[in-house]
Amino acid sequence: MLASLARLVAVATVVLAITSDPAYAAEVEDYASYDPQTRCASRTQPGTAYLLDWLVRKHPGTGKASTLRSCSGGGTSEHKDGRALDWSVDADRAEQRAQAEAFLGSIFATDARGNTHARARRMGIMYVIWDDHMYASYRRFEQRDYLSSSCSSVRTCSKTLRHRDHVHISLSRAGAAASTSFYTRRGVPTGR
C-alpha cells in the first residue's frame, strides 16, 4: 500500500512538473499566414540565426548555406529581410537525407496535447522547401510538388533550385524575431 502511494506521488510530481513547464503550458501558436518580404534588412533576424545554428548542432555533418541576401537582386525573398535560412543537407547522401526527413517528421508531428504540426508552429515556420516539395503553414503543411519558377522542368533544373542540396525555411515575422514559444523558452533574445 505504501509503495503504491509512493508511486502515485512520484507520478503526480512528474505530471505536475510537465504541465507547469512553459513549453507544455503555453498554447501552440496559430499557423503562420503568408507574409512575403516587403523590406530589406541589414542583418539576419535572431530567430533565423538561432534556428540555423540549432539545426547544425542537432544534425552533425550538415552545414549553413545562407541566411541574409542583398536586395540588389530581383524578386521577393524572405532571405532579403532576414527571415529565411538554407540548411545544407544533400538529398543524395543517405545520412543527410535521413536527417532532413527526421527533422521534417519532428516539426510536423502532433504533440502530446493533440496540437498538429506543433513544433513547426512553435518555431514560427511559414514554409519549408526540400527535395522538390513545399510544405506551407498557410496550407496546414500539406506536401505539394515544388518547381522553381526559374526551371522549365525538373530535368533541366539544378540541384540547388530543386532544393536537393539544402532545406529552405522561411519564418513568420514572429518566428524570425524569436518571439514564438520555441525561442522564448530557450531564452533567445527577441528582435522586437
Protein backbone atom coordinates (compact mmCIF):
# COMPACT_ATOMS: atom_id res chain seq x y z
CA MET A 1 0.00 0.00 0.00
CA LEU A 2 2.76 2.42 0.98
CA ALA A 3 4.74 1.54 -2.16
CA SER A 4 1.66 2.20 -4.33
CA LEU A 5 1.12 5.55 -2.67
CA ALA A 6 4.79 6.46 -3.20
CA ARG A 7 4.50 5.59 -6.92
CA LEU A 8 1.32 7.66 -7.19
CA VAL A 9 3.04 10.66 -5.57
CA ALA A 10 6.04 10.24 -7.91
CA VAL A 11 3.79 10.12 -10.99
CA ALA A 12 1.81 13.15 -9.77
CA THR A 13 5.07 15.06 -9.24
CA VAL A 14 6.22 14.29 -12.80
CA VAL A 15 2.83 15.26 -14.27
CA LEU A 16 2.84 18.48 -12.28
CA ALA A 17 6.38 19.28 -13.41
CA ILE A 18 5.50 18.65 -17.05
CA THR A 19 2.25 20.60 -17.02
CA SER A 20 3.87 23.55 -15.23
CA ASP A 21 6.71 23.66 -17.77
CA PRO A 22 6.10 26.70 -20.03
CA ALA A 23 6.80 24.54 -23.10
CA TYR A 24 3.77 22.40 -22.29
CA ALA A 25 1.61 25.03 -20.64
CA ALA A 26 1.80 27.56 -23.46
CA GLU A 27 -0.74 27.33 -26.18
CA VAL A 28 0.75 26.48 -29.52
CA GLU A 29 0.91 29.39 -31.95
CA ASP A 30 -1.54 29.66 -34.85
CA TYR A 31 -0.47 28.61 -38.32
CA ALA A 32 1.56 31.41 -39.90
CA SER A 33 -0.05 33.13 -42.87
CA TYR A 34 1.92 34.01 -45.98
CA ASP A 35 3.80 37.22 -45.29
CA PRO A 36 6.30 37.94 -48.08
CA GLN A 37 9.40 40.10 -47.87
CA THR A 38 8.50 43.80 -48.03
CA ARG A 39 11.67 45.44 -46.76
CA CYS A 40 15.43 44.98 -46.82
CA ALA A 41 17.31 44.05 -43.68
CA SER A 42 20.91 44.72 -42.82
CA ARG A 43 21.17 41.68 -40.54
CA THR A 44 19.75 38.22 -40.05
CA GLN A 45 16.89 38.16 -37.56
CA PRO A 46 17.62 36.44 -34.20
CA GLY A 47 15.16 33.56 -34.61
CA THR A 48 16.54 32.80 -38.09
CA ALA A 49 20.13 32.75 -36.86
CA TYR A 50 19.24 30.66 -33.80
CA LEU A 51 17.28 28.08 -35.80
CA LEU A 52 20.09 27.57 -38.33
CA ASP A 53 22.68 27.18 -35.54
CA TRP A 54 20.32 24.78 -33.70
CA LEU A 55 19.87 22.64 -36.84
CA VAL A 56 23.61 22.32 -37.44
CA ARG A 57 24.23 21.47 -33.76
CA LYS A 58 21.47 18.83 -33.73
CA HIS A 59 22.49 17.28 -37.06
CA PRO A 60 26.27 16.66 -37.28
CA GLY A 61 27.74 16.68 -40.76
CA THR A 62 25.28 19.27 -42.06
CA GLY A 63 26.03 22.94 -42.56
CA LYS A 64 24.94 26.51 -43.04
CA ALA A 65 24.28 27.59 -46.61
CA SER A 66 22.86 31.11 -46.27
CA THR A 67 20.56 33.46 -44.45
CA LEU A 68 20.65 37.14 -45.43
CA ARG A 69 20.75 38.18 -49.10
CA SER A 70 21.24 41.53 -50.75
CA CYS A 71 18.17 43.35 -52.01
CA SER A 72 20.02 44.35 -55.18
CA GLY A 73 18.80 41.18 -56.92
CA GLY A 74 15.30 40.93 -58.32
CA GLY A 75 12.31 39.17 -56.87
CA THR A 76 10.85 38.70 -53.44
CA SER A 77 12.62 36.54 -50.87
CA GLU A 78 12.41 36.30 -47.10
CA HIS A 79 16.23 35.97 -47.24
CA LYS A 80 16.27 39.71 -48.01
CA ASP A 81 14.58 40.64 -44.76
CA GLY A 82 16.48 38.16 -42.61
CA ARG A 83 13.62 35.66 -42.19
CA ALA A 84 14.90 32.73 -44.29
CA LEU A 85 17.65 30.19 -43.94
CA ASP A 86 19.18 27.49 -46.08
CA TRP A 87 20.37 24.44 -44.13
CA SER A 88 22.95 22.42 -46.09
CA VAL A 89 21.83 18.81 -46.42
CA ASP A 90 22.21 16.68 -49.53
CA ALA A 91 19.30 14.53 -50.73
CA ASP A 92 21.77 12.19 -52.48
CA ARG A 93 23.62 11.37 -49.26
CA ALA A 94 21.64 8.79 -47.28
CA GLU A 95 22.68 10.04 -43.83
CA GLN A 96 21.88 13.67 -44.61
CA ARG A 97 18.59 12.76 -46.30
CA ALA A 98 17.63 10.82 -43.18
CA GLN A 99 18.49 13.83 -41.00
CA ALA A 100 16.33 16.15 -43.11
CA GLU A 101 13.45 13.66 -43.13
CA ALA A 102 13.73 13.18 -39.35
CA PHE A 103 13.64 16.95 -38.85
CA LEU A 104 10.52 17.27 -41.03
CA GLY A 105 8.89 14.41 -39.12
CA SER A 106 9.61 16.12 -35.81
CA ILE A 107 8.28 19.54 -36.79
CA PHE A 108 5.15 18.16 -38.43
CA ALA A 109 4.32 15.73 -35.59
CA THR A 110 1.31 16.15 -33.34
CA ASP A 111 2.33 16.91 -29.74
CA ALA A 112 1.10 15.17 -26.57
CA ARG A 113 -1.74 17.69 -26.26
CA GLY A 114 -3.04 16.97 -29.77
CA ASN A 115 -1.63 20.09 -31.45
CA THR A 116 -0.91 19.25 -35.08
CA HIS A 117 2.40 20.43 -36.56
CA ALA A 118 3.24 21.68 -33.07
CA ARG A 119 6.99 22.27 -33.33
CA ALA A 120 6.73 23.96 -36.74
CA ARG A 121 4.10 26.31 -35.33
CA ARG A 122 6.18 26.98 -32.21
CA MET A 123 9.20 27.73 -34.41
CA GLY A 124 7.14 30.18 -36.46
CA ILE A 125 7.76 28.32 -39.72
CA MET A 126 5.91 29.88 -42.64
CA TYR A 127 7.08 27.31 -45.20
CA VAL A 128 9.74 24.70 -45.92
CA ILE A 129 11.10 23.67 -49.34
CA TRP A 130 13.05 20.41 -49.62
CA ASP A 131 13.68 17.85 -52.35
CA ASP A 132 11.14 19.10 -54.92
CA HIS A 133 8.42 19.64 -52.29
CA MET A 134 6.97 22.59 -50.40
CA TYR A 135 5.22 22.48 -47.04
CA ALA A 136 3.38 25.72 -46.23
CA SER A 137 1.89 26.67 -42.88
CA TYR A 138 -0.93 28.54 -44.62
CA ARG A 139 -1.88 25.18 -46.24
CA ARG A 140 -1.54 23.23 -42.96
CA PHE A 141 1.86 21.92 -44.15
CA GLU A 142 0.30 19.79 -46.87
CA GLN A 143 3.08 18.39 -49.09
CA ARG A 144 2.97 19.88 -52.58
CA ASP A 145 5.25 19.49 -55.55
CA TYR A 146 7.68 22.37 -55.94
CA LEU A 147 9.42 23.58 -59.07
CA SER A 148 11.31 26.86 -59.08
CA SER A 149 9.92 29.47 -61.45
CA SER A 150 13.47 29.58 -62.92
CA CYS A 151 13.09 25.99 -64.20
CA SER A 152 11.19 24.75 -67.20
CA SER A 153 11.29 21.13 -65.99
CA VAL A 154 12.77 19.04 -63.19
CA ARG A 155 15.25 17.51 -65.65
CA THR A 156 16.70 20.89 -66.61
CA CYS A 157 16.67 22.34 -63.11
CA SER A 158 19.77 22.48 -60.90
CA LYS A 159 20.06 20.58 -57.64
CA THR A 160 20.05 23.92 -55.79
CA LEU A 161 16.91 25.27 -57.46
CA ARG A 162 15.23 21.94 -56.73
CA HIS A 163 16.25 22.28 -53.05
CA ARG A 164 18.04 18.92 -53.10
CA ASP A 165 21.28 20.27 -51.61
CA HIS A 166 19.62 22.31 -48.85
CA VAL A 167 16.42 22.74 -46.88
CA HIS A 168 14.95 26.22 -47.22
CA ILE A 169 12.95 27.52 -44.24
CA SER A 170 11.08 30.83 -44.27
CA LEU A 171 9.88 32.11 -40.91
CA SER A 172 6.97 34.29 -39.92
CA ARG A 173 7.90 37.73 -38.62
CA ALA A 174 7.29 36.48 -35.05
CA GLY A 175 9.46 33.39 -35.59
CA ALA A 176 12.27 35.40 -37.15
CA ALA A 177 12.08 37.87 -34.26
CA ALA A 178 12.44 34.91 -31.83
CA SER A 179 9.16 35.83 -30.14
CA THR A 180 7.40 32.47 -30.56
CA SER A 181 7.49 29.81 -27.84
CA PHE A 182 10.30 27.70 -29.37
CA TYR A 183 12.70 30.63 -28.90
CA THR A 184 11.29 32.26 -25.77
CA ARG A 185 11.51 29.06 -23.75
CA ARG A 186 15.19 28.83 -24.75
CA GLY A 187 15.88 32.42 -23.72
CA VAL A 188 16.75 33.64 -27.22
CA PRO A 189 16.76 37.48 -27.18
CA THR A 190 13.97 38.85 -29.35
CA GLY A 191 14.46 41.19 -32.25
CA ARG A 192 11.47 43.41 -31.48
